[in-house]
């Protein structure tokens, strides 16, 4: 989908009933690591359902390795800020790092 096509659908981001659309738009921007329209992207996380949009994106990231990698390296969102108030996701996103650290500690102790 080209930028002009994306712009045609952006008004839906502002529709309070378009919860699923905001999730899809946010994920598309995160996967690309850029927002075609920064205002529309930010709106995805400023509506009344902002927390649920973020939680859904995080849940999908746990099921989709490509999305998880995009979230971890993203320049359009701060994964640390997203995870801080949501501790139930913190371990899932950082468990591999913690396991690597534990292995390194164990290797260093021998």
PDB file of N, CA and C in Angstrom:
ATOM      1  N   UNK A   1       0.861  -1.170   0.000  1.00  0.00           N
ATOM      2  CA  UNK A   1       0.000   0.000   0.000  1.00  0.00           C
ATOM      3  C   UNK A   1       0.907   1.231   0.000  1.00  0.00           C
ATOM      4  N   UNK A   2       0.697   2.154  -0.901  1.00  0.00           N
ATOM      5  CA  UNK A   2       1.520   3.349  -0.973  1.00  0.00           C
ATOM      6  C   UNK A   2       1.019   4.395   0.017  1.00  0.00           C
ATOM      7  N   UNK A   3       1.803   5.456   0.193  1.00  0.00           N
ATOM      8  CA  UNK A   3       1.483   6.492   1.180  1.00  0.00           C
ATOM      9  C   UNK A   3       0.135   7.150   0.898  1.00  0.00           C
ATOM     10  N   UNK A   4      -0.176   7.375  -0.379  1.00  0.00           N
ATOM     11  CA  UNK A   4      -1.456   8.014  -0.703  1.00  0.00           C
ATOM     12  C   UNK A   4      -2.638   7.142  -0.296  1.00  0.00           C
ATOM     13  N   UNK A   5      -2.493   5.825  -0.489  1.00  0.00           N
ATOM     14  CA  UNK A   5      -3.567   4.924  -0.085  1.00  0.00           C
ATOM     15  C   UNK A   5      -3.724   4.931   1.435  1.00  0.00           C
ATOM     16  N   UNK A   6      -2.600   4.963   2.173  1.00  0.00           N
ATOM     17  CA  UNK A   6      -2.656   5.000   3.626  1.00  0.00           C
ATOM     18  C   UNK A   6      -3.376   6.265   4.100  1.00  0.00           C
ATOM     19  N   UNK A   7      -3.079   7.388   3.472  1.00  0.00           N
ATOM     20  CA  UNK A   7      -3.689   8.655   3.879  1.00  0.00           C
ATOM     21  C   UNK A   7      -5.203   8.648   3.664  1.00  0.00           C
ATOM     22  N   UNK A   8      -5.664   7.922   2.656  1.00  0.00           N
ATOM     23  CA  UNK A   8      -7.105   7.870   2.391  1.00  0.00           C
ATOM     24  C   UNK A   8      -7.854   7.259   3.574  1.00  0.00           C
ATOM     25  N   UNK A   9      -7.227   6.337   4.300  1.00  0.00           N
ATOM     26  CA  UNK A   9      -7.902   5.625   5.373  1.00  0.00           C
ATOM     27  C   UNK A   9      -7.610   6.203   6.753  1.00  0.00           C
ATOM     28  N   UNK A  10      -6.722   7.166   6.866  1.00  0.00           N
ATOM     29  CA  UNK A  10      -6.339   7.681   8.170  1.00  0.00           C
ATOM     30  C   UNK A  10      -7.478   8.268   8.994  1.00  0.00           C
ATOM     31  N   UNK A  11      -8.507   8.865   8.419  1.00  0.00           N
ATOM     32  CA  UNK A  11      -9.592   9.372   9.272  1.00  0.00           C
ATOM     33  C   UNK A  11     -10.197   8.300  10.176  1.00  0.00           C
ATOM     34  N   UNK A  12     -10.119   7.050   9.785  1.00  0.00           N
ATOM     35  CA  UNK A  12     -10.664   5.972  10.627  1.00  0.00           C
ATOM     36  C   UNK A  12      -9.929   5.877  11.953  1.00  0.00           C
ATOM     37  N   UNK A  13      -8.666   6.283  11.998  1.00  0.00           N
ATOM     38  CA  UNK A  13      -7.898   6.232  13.238  1.00  0.00           C
ATOM     39  C   UNK A  13      -8.586   7.064  14.319  1.00  0.00           C
ATOM     40  N   UNK A  14      -9.249   8.119  13.907  1.00  0.00           N
ATOM     41  CA  UNK A  14      -9.889   9.035  14.859  1.00  0.00           C
ATOM     42  C   UNK A  14     -11.287   8.593  15.279  1.00  0.00           C
ATOM     43  N   UNK A  15     -11.814   7.554  14.659  1.00  0.00           N
ATOM     44  CA  UNK A  15     -13.145   7.041  14.984  1.00  0.00           C
ATOM     45  C   UNK A  15     -13.060   6.219  16.268  1.00  0.00           C
ATOM     46  N   UNK A  16     -13.778   6.612  17.322  1.00  0.00           N
ATOM     47  CA  UNK A  16     -13.710   5.872  18.588  1.00  0.00           C
ATOM     48  C   UNK A  16     -14.055   4.388  18.443  1.00  0.00           C
ATOM     49  N   UNK A  17     -14.854   4.031  17.463  1.00  0.00           N
ATOM     50  CA  UNK A  17     -15.263   2.641  17.274  1.00  0.00           C
ATOM     51  C   UNK A  17     -14.250   1.827  16.463  1.00  0.00           C
ATOM     52  N   UNK A  18     -13.204   2.468  15.975  1.00  0.00           N
ATOM     53  CA  UNK A  18     -12.258   1.799  15.076  1.00  0.00           C
ATOM     54  C   UNK A  18     -11.057   1.222  15.832  1.00  0.00           C
ATOM     55  N   UNK A  19     -11.317   0.566  16.929  1.00  0.00           N
ATOM     56  CA  UNK A  19     -10.283  -0.025  17.783  1.00  0.00           C
ATOM     57  C   UNK A  19      -9.355  -0.954  16.980  1.00  0.00           C
ATOM     58  N   UNK A  20      -9.912  -1.875  16.246  1.00  0.00           N
ATOM     59  CA  UNK A  20      -9.109  -2.840  15.476  1.00  0.00           C
ATOM     60  C   UNK A  20      -8.275  -2.133  14.408  1.00  0.00           C
ATOM     61  N   UNK A  21      -8.820  -1.077  13.825  1.00  0.00           N
ATOM     62  CA  UNK A  21      -8.078  -0.344  12.799  1.00  0.00           C
ATOM     63  C   UNK A  21      -6.845   0.333  13.411  1.00  0.00           C
ATOM     64  N   UNK A  22      -6.995   0.916  14.613  1.00  0.00           N
ATOM     65  CA  UNK A  22      -5.856   1.560  15.271  1.00  0.00           C
ATOM     66  C   UNK A  22      -4.760   0.538  15.565  1.00  0.00           C
ATOM     67  N   UNK A  23      -5.151  -0.642  15.958  1.00  0.00           N
ATOM     68  CA  UNK A  23      -4.169  -1.695  16.229  1.00  0.00           C
ATOM     69  C   UNK A  23      -3.422  -2.052  14.946  1.00  0.00           C
ATOM     70  N   UNK A  24      -4.164  -2.266  13.863  1.00  0.00           N
ATOM     71  CA  UNK A  24      -3.527  -2.619  12.584  1.00  0.00           C
ATOM     72  C   UNK A  24      -2.615  -1.510  12.085  1.00  0.00           C
ATOM     73  N   UNK A  25      -3.075  -0.260  12.200  1.00  0.00           N
ATOM     74  CA  UNK A  25      -2.272   0.873  11.733  1.00  0.00           C
ATOM     75  C   UNK A  25      -0.999   0.997  12.565  1.00  0.00           C
ATOM     76  N   UNK A  26      -1.122   0.857  13.885  1.00  0.00           N
ATOM     77  CA  UNK A  26       0.046   0.950  14.760  1.00  0.00           C
ATOM     78  C   UNK A  26       1.055  -0.143  14.429  1.00  0.00           C
ATOM     79  N   UNK A  27       0.579  -1.369  14.253  1.00  0.00           N
ATOM     80  CA  UNK A  27       1.477  -2.480  13.932  1.00  0.00           C
ATOM     81  C   UNK A  27       2.162  -2.248  12.586  1.00  0.00           C
ATOM     82  N   UNK A  28       1.426  -1.770  11.604  1.00  0.00           N
ATOM     83  CA  UNK A  28       2.016  -1.507  10.285  1.00  0.00           C
ATOM     84  C   UNK A  28       3.132  -0.472  10.397  1.00  0.00           C
ATOM     85  N   UNK A  29       2.915   0.574  11.169  1.00  0.00           N
ATOM     86  CA  UNK A  29       3.943   1.613  11.341  1.00  0.00           C
ATOM     87  C   UNK A  29       5.151   1.074  12.096  1.00  0.00           C
ATOM     88  N   UNK A  30       4.912   0.261  13.119  1.00  0.00           N
ATOM     89  CA  UNK A  30       6.012  -0.313  13.893  1.00  0.00           C
ATOM     90  C   UNK A  30       6.837  -1.256  13.021  1.00  0.00           C
ATOM     91  N   UNK A  31       6.178  -2.068  12.221  1.00  0.00           N
ATOM     92  CA  UNK A  31       6.907  -2.982  11.334  1.00  0.00           C
ATOM     93  C   UNK A  31       7.760  -2.223  10.325  1.00  0.00           C
ATOM     94  N   UNK A  32       7.259  -1.093   9.848  1.00  0.00           N
ATOM     95  CA  UNK A  32       8.022  -0.265   8.895  1.00  0.00           C
ATOM     96  C   UNK A  32       9.057   0.589   9.601  1.00  0.00           C
ATOM     97  N   UNK A  33       8.901   0.763  10.917  1.00  0.00           N
ATOM     98  CA  UNK A  33       9.720   1.634  11.752  1.00  0.00           C
ATOM     99  C   UNK A  33       9.646   3.088  11.296  1.00  0.00           C
ATOM    100  N   UNK A  34       8.484   3.451  10.820  1.00  0.00           N
ATOM    101  CA  UNK A  34       8.210   4.861  10.487  1.00  0.00           C
ATOM    102  C   UNK A  34       6.706   5.045  10.388  1.00  0.00           C
ATOM    103  N   UNK A  35       6.281   6.262  10.699  1.00  0.00           N
ATOM    104  CA  UNK A  35       4.866   6.590  10.612  1.00  0.00           C
ATOM    105  C   UNK A  35       4.662   7.513   9.425  1.00  0.00           C
ATOM    106  N   UNK A  36       3.772   7.137   8.522  1.00  0.00           N
ATOM    107  CA  UNK A  36       3.455   7.981   7.366  1.00  0.00           C
ATOM    108  C   UNK A  36       2.868   9.298   7.853  1.00  0.00           C
ATOM    109  N   UNK A  37       2.017   9.212   8.857  1.00  0.00           N
ATOM    110  CA  UNK A  37       1.388  10.389   9.449  1.00  0.00           C
ATOM    111  C   UNK A  37       1.560  10.275  10.960  1.00  0.00           C
ATOM    112  N   UNK A  38       2.500  11.022  11.501  1.00  0.00           N
ATOM    113  CA  UNK A  38       2.825  10.908  12.915  1.00  0.00           C
ATOM    114  C   UNK A  38       1.638  11.240  13.820  1.00  0.00           C
ATOM    115  N   UNK A  39       0.825  12.205  13.411  1.00  0.00           N
ATOM    116  CA  UNK A  39      -0.355  12.555  14.198  1.00  0.00           C
ATOM    117  C   UNK A  39      -1.339  11.404  14.310  1.00  0.00           C
ATOM    118  N   UNK A  40      -1.583  10.737  13.196  1.00  0.00           N
ATOM    119  CA  UNK A  40      -2.487   9.583  13.207  1.00  0.00           C
ATOM    120  C   UNK A  40      -1.902   8.447  14.033  1.00  0.00           C
ATOM    121  N   UNK A  41      -0.588   8.225  13.906  1.00  0.00           N
ATOM    122  CA  UNK A  41       0.066   7.171  14.679  1.00  0.00           C
ATOM    123  C   UNK A  41      -0.071   7.455  16.175  1.00  0.00           C
ATOM    124  N   UNK A  42       0.211   8.679  16.582  1.00  0.00           N
ATOM    125  CA  UNK A  42       0.096   9.039  18.000  1.00  0.00           C
ATOM    126  C   UNK A  42      -1.334   8.907  18.505  1.00  0.00           C
ATOM    127  N   UNK A  43      -2.296   9.188  17.649  1.00  0.00           N
ATOM    128  CA  UNK A  43      -3.710   9.071  18.030  1.00  0.00           C
ATOM    129  C   UNK A  43      -4.056   7.639  18.408  1.00  0.00           C
ATOM    130  N   UNK A  44      -3.391   6.681  17.809  1.00  0.00           N
ATOM    131  CA  UNK A  44      -3.647   5.271  18.153  1.00  0.00           C
ATOM    132  C   UNK A  44      -3.472   5.028  19.648  1.00  0.00           C
ATOM    133  N   UNK A  45      -2.632   5.847  20.299  1.00  0.00           N
ATOM    134  CA  UNK A  45      -2.309   5.654  21.704  1.00  0.00           C
ATOM    135  C   UNK A  45      -2.843   6.780  22.584  1.00  0.00           C
ATOM    136  N   UNK A  46      -3.753   7.595  22.035  1.00  0.00           N
ATOM    137  CA  UNK A  46      -4.319   8.700  22.804  1.00  0.00           C
ATOM    138  C   UNK A  46      -5.834   8.612  22.953  1.00  0.00           C
ATOM    139  N   UNK A  47      -6.440   7.632  22.330  1.00  0.00           N
ATOM    140  CA  UNK A  47      -7.886   7.465  22.445  1.00  0.00           C
ATOM    141  C   UNK A  47      -8.196   6.761  23.767  1.00  0.00           C
ATOM    142  N   UNK A  48      -9.476   6.616  24.085  1.00  0.00           N
ATOM    143  CA  UNK A  48      -9.878   5.971  25.335  1.00  0.00           C
ATOM    144  C   UNK A  48      -9.397   4.529  25.451  1.00  0.00           C
ATOM    145  N   UNK A  49      -9.141   3.889  24.319  1.00  0.00           N
ATOM    146  CA  UNK A  49      -8.712   2.489  24.334  1.00  0.00           C
ATOM    147  C   UNK A  49      -7.191   2.348  24.180  1.00  0.00           C
ATOM    148  N   UNK A  50      -6.444   3.391  24.491  1.00  0.00           N
ATOM    149  CA  UNK A  50      -4.999   3.398  24.278  1.00  0.00           C
ATOM    150  C   UNK A  50      -4.302   2.227  24.970  1.00  0.00           C
ATOM    151  N   UNK A  51      -4.658   1.970  26.229  1.00  0.00           N
ATOM    152  CA  UNK A  51      -4.001   0.879  26.949  1.00  0.00           C
ATOM    153  C   UNK A  51      -4.275  -0.463  26.282  1.00  0.00           C
ATOM    154  N   UNK A  52      -5.497  -0.667  25.835  1.00  0.00           N
ATOM    155  CA  UNK A  52      -5.826  -1.938  25.180  1.00  0.00           C
ATOM    156  C   UNK A  52      -5.118  -2.059  23.827  1.00  0.00           C
ATOM    157  N   UNK A  53      -4.953  -0.950  23.111  1.00  0.00           N
ATOM    158  CA  UNK A  53      -4.209  -0.984  21.841  1.00  0.00           C
ATOM    159  C   UNK A  53      -2.771  -1.418  22.116  1.00  0.00           C
ATOM    160  N   UNK A  54      -2.139  -0.819  23.122  1.00  0.00           N
ATOM    161  CA  UNK A  54      -0.756  -1.160  23.450  1.00  0.00           C
ATOM    162  C   UNK A  54      -0.653  -2.614  23.898  1.00  0.00           C
ATOM    163  N   UNK A  55      -1.564  -3.050  24.769  1.00  0.00           N
ATOM    164  CA  UNK A  55      -1.535  -4.439  25.245  1.00  0.00           C
ATOM    165  C   UNK A  55      -1.709  -5.428  24.084  1.00  0.00           C
ATOM    166  N   UNK A  56      -2.579  -5.097  23.156  1.00  0.00           N
ATOM    167  CA  UNK A  56      -2.800  -5.983  22.006  1.00  0.00           C
ATOM    168  C   UNK A  56      -1.555  -6.051  21.131  1.00  0.00           C
ATOM    169  N   UNK A  57      -0.923  -4.906  20.892  1.00  0.00           N
ATOM    170  CA  UNK A  57       0.309  -4.895  20.097  1.00  0.00           C
ATOM    171  C   UNK A  57       1.382  -5.733  20.803  1.00  0.00           C
ATOM    172  N   UNK A  58       1.516  -5.578  22.122  1.00  0.00           N
ATOM    173  CA  UNK A  58       2.505  -6.352  22.866  1.00  0.00           C
ATOM    174  C   UNK A  58       2.198  -7.851  22.820  1.00  0.00           C
ATOM    175  N   UNK A  59       0.915  -8.215  22.985  1.00  0.00           N
ATOM    176  CA  UNK A  59       0.529  -9.636  22.911  1.00  0.00           C
ATOM    177  C   UNK A  59       0.846 -10.219  21.539  1.00  0.00           C
ATOM    178  N   UNK A  60       0.520  -9.470  20.497  1.00  0.00           N
ATOM    179  CA  UNK A  60       0.807  -9.956  19.139  1.00  0.00           C
ATOM    180  C   UNK A  60       2.305 -10.070  18.900  1.00  0.00           C
ATOM    181  N   UNK A  61       3.068  -9.176  19.515  1.00  0.00           N
ATOM    182  CA  UNK A  61       4.522  -9.251  19.397  1.00  0.00           C
ATOM    183  C   UNK A  61       5.086 -10.527  19.991  1.00  0.00           C
ATOM    184  N   UNK A  62       4.433 -11.035  21.025  1.00  0.00           N
ATOM    185  CA  UNK A  62       4.894 -12.287  21.631  1.00  0.00           C
ATOM    186  C   UNK A  62       4.614 -13.486  20.731  1.00  0.00           C
ATOM    187  N   UNK A  63       3.629 -13.366  19.857  1.00  0.00           N
ATOM    188  CA  UNK A  63       3.265 -14.453  18.946  1.00  0.00           C
ATOM    189  C   UNK A  63       3.949 -14.315  17.588  1.00  0.00           C
ATOM    190  N   UNK A  64       4.421 -13.115  17.254  1.00  0.00           N
ATOM    191  CA  UNK A  64       4.973 -12.829  15.940  1.00  0.00           C
ATOM    192  C   UNK A  64       6.422 -12.360  16.096  1.00  0.00           C
ATOM    193  N   UNK A  65       7.402 -13.209  15.781  1.00  0.00           N
ATOM    194  CA  UNK A  65       8.812 -12.839  15.965  1.00  0.00           C
ATOM    195  C   UNK A  65       9.225 -11.580  15.198  1.00  0.00           C
ATOM    196  N   UNK A  66       8.645 -11.377  14.025  1.00  0.00           N
ATOM    197  CA  UNK A  66       8.985 -10.184  13.239  1.00  0.00           C
ATOM    198  C   UNK A  66       8.511  -8.918  13.962  1.00  0.00           C
ATOM    199  N   UNK A  67       7.298  -8.958  14.503  1.00  0.00           N
ATOM    200  CA  UNK A  67       6.775  -7.802  15.233  1.00  0.00           C
ATOM    201  C   UNK A  67       7.561  -7.597  16.528  1.00  0.00           C
ATOM    202  N   UNK A  68       7.890  -8.679  17.218  1.00  0.00           N
ATOM    203  CA  UNK A  68       8.663  -8.547  18.463  1.00  0.00           C
ATOM    204  C   UNK A  68      10.004  -7.878  18.185  1.00  0.00           C
ATOM    205  N   UNK A  69      10.685  -8.312  17.139  1.00  0.00           N
ATOM    206  CA  UNK A  69      11.973  -7.704  16.776  1.00  0.00           C
ATOM    207  C   UNK A  69      11.796  -6.232  16.415  1.00  0.00           C
ATOM    208  N   UNK A  70      10.719  -5.920  15.699  1.00  0.00           N
ATOM    209  CA  UNK A  70      10.450  -4.525  15.328  1.00  0.00           C
ATOM    210  C   UNK A  70      10.186  -3.672  16.567  1.00  0.00           C
ATOM    211  N   UNK A  71       9.449  -4.207  17.529  1.00  0.00           N
ATOM    212  CA  UNK A  71       9.190  -3.475  18.773  1.00  0.00           C
ATOM    213  C   UNK A  71      10.489  -3.216  19.523  1.00  0.00           C
ATOM    214  N   UNK A  72      11.364  -4.204  19.554  1.00  0.00           N
ATOM    215  CA  UNK A  72      12.619  -4.089  20.301  1.00  0.00           C
ATOM    216  C   UNK A  72      13.583  -3.091  19.678  1.00  0.00           C
ATOM    217  N   UNK A  73      13.533  -2.893  18.381  1.00  0.00           N
ATOM    218  CA  UNK A  73      14.468  -1.967  17.725  1.00  0.00           C
ATOM    219  C   UNK A  73      13.784  -0.674  17.260  1.00  0.00           C
ATOM    220  N   UNK A  74      12.523  -0.509  17.587  1.00  0.00           N
ATOM    221  CA  UNK A  74      11.711   0.585  17.059  1.00  0.00           C
ATOM    222  C   UNK A  74      12.241   1.975  17.400  1.00  0.00           C
ATOM    223  N   UNK A  75      12.094   2.866  16.434  1.00  0.00           N
ATOM    224  CA  UNK A  75      12.363   4.282  16.639  1.00  0.00           C
ATOM    225  C   UNK A  75      11.066   5.075  16.788  1.00  0.00           C
ATOM    226  N   UNK A  76       9.920   4.433  16.554  1.00  0.00           N
ATOM    227  CA  UNK A  76       8.637   5.143  16.627  1.00  0.00           C
ATOM    228  C   UNK A  76       7.939   4.960  17.978  1.00  0.00           C
ATOM    229  N   UNK A  77       8.346   3.960  18.746  1.00  0.00           N
ATOM    230  CA  UNK A  77       7.796   3.776  20.098  1.00  0.00           C
ATOM    231  C   UNK A  77       8.959   3.457  21.034  1.00  0.00           C
ATOM    232  N   UNK A  78       8.713   3.596  22.331  1.00  0.00           N
ATOM    233  CA  UNK A  78       9.699   3.217  23.338  1.00  0.00           C
ATOM    234  C   UNK A  78       9.178   1.978  24.047  1.00  0.00           C
ATOM    235  N   UNK A  79       9.772   0.837  23.748  1.00  0.00           N
ATOM    236  CA  UNK A  79       9.326  -0.413  24.354  1.00  0.00           C
ATOM    237  C   UNK A  79       9.457  -0.351  25.875  1.00  0.00           C
ATOM    238  N   UNK A  80      10.507   0.269  26.382  1.00  0.00           N
ATOM    239  CA  UNK A  80      10.694   0.373  27.836  1.00  0.00           C
ATOM    240  C   UNK A  80       9.526   1.136  28.459  1.00  0.00           C
ATOM    241  N   UNK A  81       9.114   2.237  27.827  1.00  0.00           N
ATOM    242  CA  UNK A  81       7.976   3.004  28.353  1.00  0.00           C
ATOM    243  C   UNK A  81       6.682   2.206  28.263  1.00  0.00           C
ATOM    244  N   UNK A  82       6.536   1.405  27.244  1.00  0.00           N
ATOM    245  CA  UNK A  82       5.336   0.573  27.109  1.00  0.00           C
ATOM    246  C   UNK A  82       5.320  -0.528  28.156  1.00  0.00           C
ATOM    247  N   UNK A  83       6.489  -1.089  28.467  1.00  0.00           N
ATOM    248  CA  UNK A  83       6.539  -2.213  29.388  1.00  0.00           C
ATOM    249  C   UNK A  83       6.513  -1.800  30.860  1.00  0.00           C
ATOM    250  N   UNK A  84       7.020  -0.634  31.180  1.00  0.00           N
ATOM    251  CA  UNK A  84       7.126  -0.209  32.584  1.00  0.00           C
ATOM    252  C   UNK A  84       5.799  -0.312  33.347  1.00  0.00           C
ATOM    253  N   UNK A  85       4.687   0.194  32.823  1.00  0.00           N
ATOM    254  CA  UNK A  85       3.427   0.063  33.569  1.00  0.00           C
ATOM    255  C   UNK A  85       2.707  -1.271  33.335  1.00  0.00           C
ATOM    256  N   UNK A  86       3.327  -2.161  32.582  1.00  0.00           N
ATOM    257  CA  UNK A  86       2.709  -3.453  32.254  1.00  0.00           C
ATOM    258  C   UNK A  86       3.678  -4.587  32.589  1.00  0.00           C
ATOM    259  N   UNK A  87       3.901  -4.838  33.881  1.00  0.00           N
ATOM    260  CA  UNK A  87       4.915  -5.825  34.279  1.00  0.00           C
ATOM    261  C   UNK A  87       4.643  -7.239  33.782  1.00  0.00           C
ATOM    262  N   UNK A  88       3.390  -7.541  33.470  1.00  0.00           N
ATOM    263  CA  UNK A  88       3.084  -8.892  32.983  1.00  0.00           C
ATOM    264  C   UNK A  88       3.747  -9.172  31.639  1.00  0.00           C
ATOM    265  N   UNK A  89       4.148  -8.127  30.907  1.00  0.00           N
ATOM    266  CA  UNK A  89       4.835  -8.308  29.625  1.00  0.00           C
ATOM    267  C   UNK A  89       6.352  -8.198  29.764  1.00  0.00           C
ATOM    268  N   UNK A  90       6.810  -7.581  30.846  1.00  0.00           N
ATOM    269  CA  UNK A  90       8.244  -7.290  30.993  1.00  0.00           C
ATOM    270  C   UNK A  90       9.083  -8.561  30.873  1.00  0.00           C
ATOM    271  N   UNK A  91       8.742  -9.582  31.640  1.00  0.00           N
ATOM    272  CA  UNK A  91       9.531 -10.809  31.633  1.00  0.00           C
ATOM    273  C   UNK A  91       9.487 -11.496  30.264  1.00  0.00           C
ATOM    274  N   UNK A  92       8.330 -11.504  29.641  1.00  0.00           N
ATOM    275  CA  UNK A  92       8.200 -12.154  28.335  1.00  0.00           C
ATOM    276  C   UNK A  92       9.103 -11.499  27.290  1.00  0.00           C
ATOM    277  N   UNK A  93       9.246 -10.181  27.370  1.00  0.00           N
ATOM    278  CA  UNK A  93      10.090  -9.485  26.400  1.00  0.00           C
ATOM    279  C   UNK A  93      11.560  -9.527  26.776  1.00  0.00           C
ATOM    280  N   UNK A  94      11.856  -9.681  28.067  1.00  0.00           N
ATOM    281  CA  UNK A  94      13.254  -9.644  28.504  1.00  0.00           C
ATOM    282  C   UNK A  94      13.781 -10.978  28.997  1.00  0.00           C
ATOM    283  N   UNK A  95      12.970 -12.027  28.999  1.00  0.00           N
ATOM    284  CA  UNK A  95      13.410 -13.343  29.477  1.00  0.00           C
ATOM    285  C   UNK A  95      14.633 -13.856  28.720  1.00  0.00           C
ATOM    286  N   UNK A  96      14.687 -13.755  27.380  1.00  0.00           N
ATOM    287  CA  UNK A  96      15.895 -14.244  26.678  1.00  0.00           C
ATOM    288  C   UNK A  96      17.155 -13.516  27.140  1.00  0.00           C
ATOM    289  N   UNK A  97      17.062 -12.196  27.365  1.00  0.00           N
ATOM    290  CA  UNK A  97      18.220 -11.430  27.836  1.00  0.00           C
ATOM    291  C   UNK A  97      18.619 -11.874  29.232  1.00  0.00           C
ATOM    292  N   UNK A  98      17.615 -12.112  30.093  1.00  0.00           N
ATOM    293  CA  UNK A  98      17.901 -12.535  31.462  1.00  0.00           C
ATOM    294  C   UNK A  98      18.548 -13.917  31.455  1.00  0.00           C
ATOM    295  N   UNK A  99      18.084 -14.819  30.577  1.00  0.00           N
ATOM    296  CA  UNK A  99      18.684 -16.156  30.492  1.00  0.00           C
ATOM    297  C   UNK A  99      20.122 -16.069  29.995  1.00  0.00           C
ATOM    298  N   UNK A 100      20.364 -15.208  28.991  1.00  0.00           N
ATOM    299  CA  UNK A 100      21.731 -15.030  28.493  1.00  0.00           C
ATOM    300  C   UNK A 100      22.624 -14.496  29.598  1.00  0.00           C
ATOM    301  N   UNK A 101      22.122 -13.542  30.367  1.00  0.00           N
ATOM    302  CA  UNK A 101      22.891 -12.987  31.481  1.00  0.00           C
ATOM    303  C   UNK A 101      23.195 -14.027  32.533  1.00  0.00           C
ATOM    304  N   UNK A 102      22.244 -14.892  32.824  1.00  0.00           N
ATOM    305  CA  UNK A 102      22.445 -15.955  33.810  1.00  0.00           C
ATOM    306  C   UNK A 102      23.497 -16.938  33.314  1.00  0.00           C
ATOM    307  N   UNK A 103      23.469 -17.254  32.009  1.00  0.00           N
ATOM    308  CA  UNK A 103      24.481 -18.156  31.435  1.00  0.00           C
ATOM    309  C   UNK A 103      25.861 -17.534  31.529  1.00  0.00           C
ATOM    310  N   UNK A 104      25.937 -16.234  31.221  1.00  0.00           N
ATOM    311  CA  UNK A 104      27.231 -15.533  31.269  1.00  0.00           C
ATOM    312  C   UNK A 104      27.760 -15.522  32.708  1.00  0.00           C
ATOM    313  N   UNK A 105      26.872 -15.283  33.686  1.00  0.00           N
ATOM    314  CA  UNK A 105      27.276 -15.296  35.090  1.00  0.00           C
ATOM    315  C   UNK A 105      27.774 -16.677  35.476  1.00  0.00           C
ATOM    316  N   UNK A 106      27.059 -17.719  35.035  1.00  0.00           N
ATOM    317  CA  UNK A 106      27.461 -19.086  35.349  1.00  0.00           C
ATOM    318  C   UNK A 106      28.788 -19.434  34.694  1.00  0.00           C
ATOM    319  N   UNK A 107      28.983 -18.996  33.459  1.00  0.00           N
ATOM    320  CA  UNK A 107      30.242 -19.257  32.764  1.00  0.00           C
ATOM    321  C   UNK A 107      31.396 -18.545  33.440  1.00  0.00           C
ATOM    322  N   UNK A 108      31.160 -17.350  33.920  1.00  0.00           N
ATOM    323  CA  UNK A 108      32.205 -16.564  34.581  1.00  0.00           C
ATOM    324  C   UNK A 108      32.560 -17.113  35.941  1.00  0.00           C
ATOM    325  N   UNK A 109      31.636 -17.832  36.583  1.00  0.00           N
ATOM    326  CA  UNK A 109      31.868 -18.343  37.921  1.00  0.00           C
ATOM    327  C   UNK A 109      32.726 -19.603  37.909  1.00  0.00           C
ATOM    328  N   UNK A 110      32.887 -20.232  36.756  1.00  0.00           N
ATOM    329  CA  UNK A 110      33.652 -21.492  36.732  1.00  0.00           C
ATOM    330  C   UNK A 110      35.112 -21.269  36.561  1.00  0.00           C
TER     331      UNK A 110
END
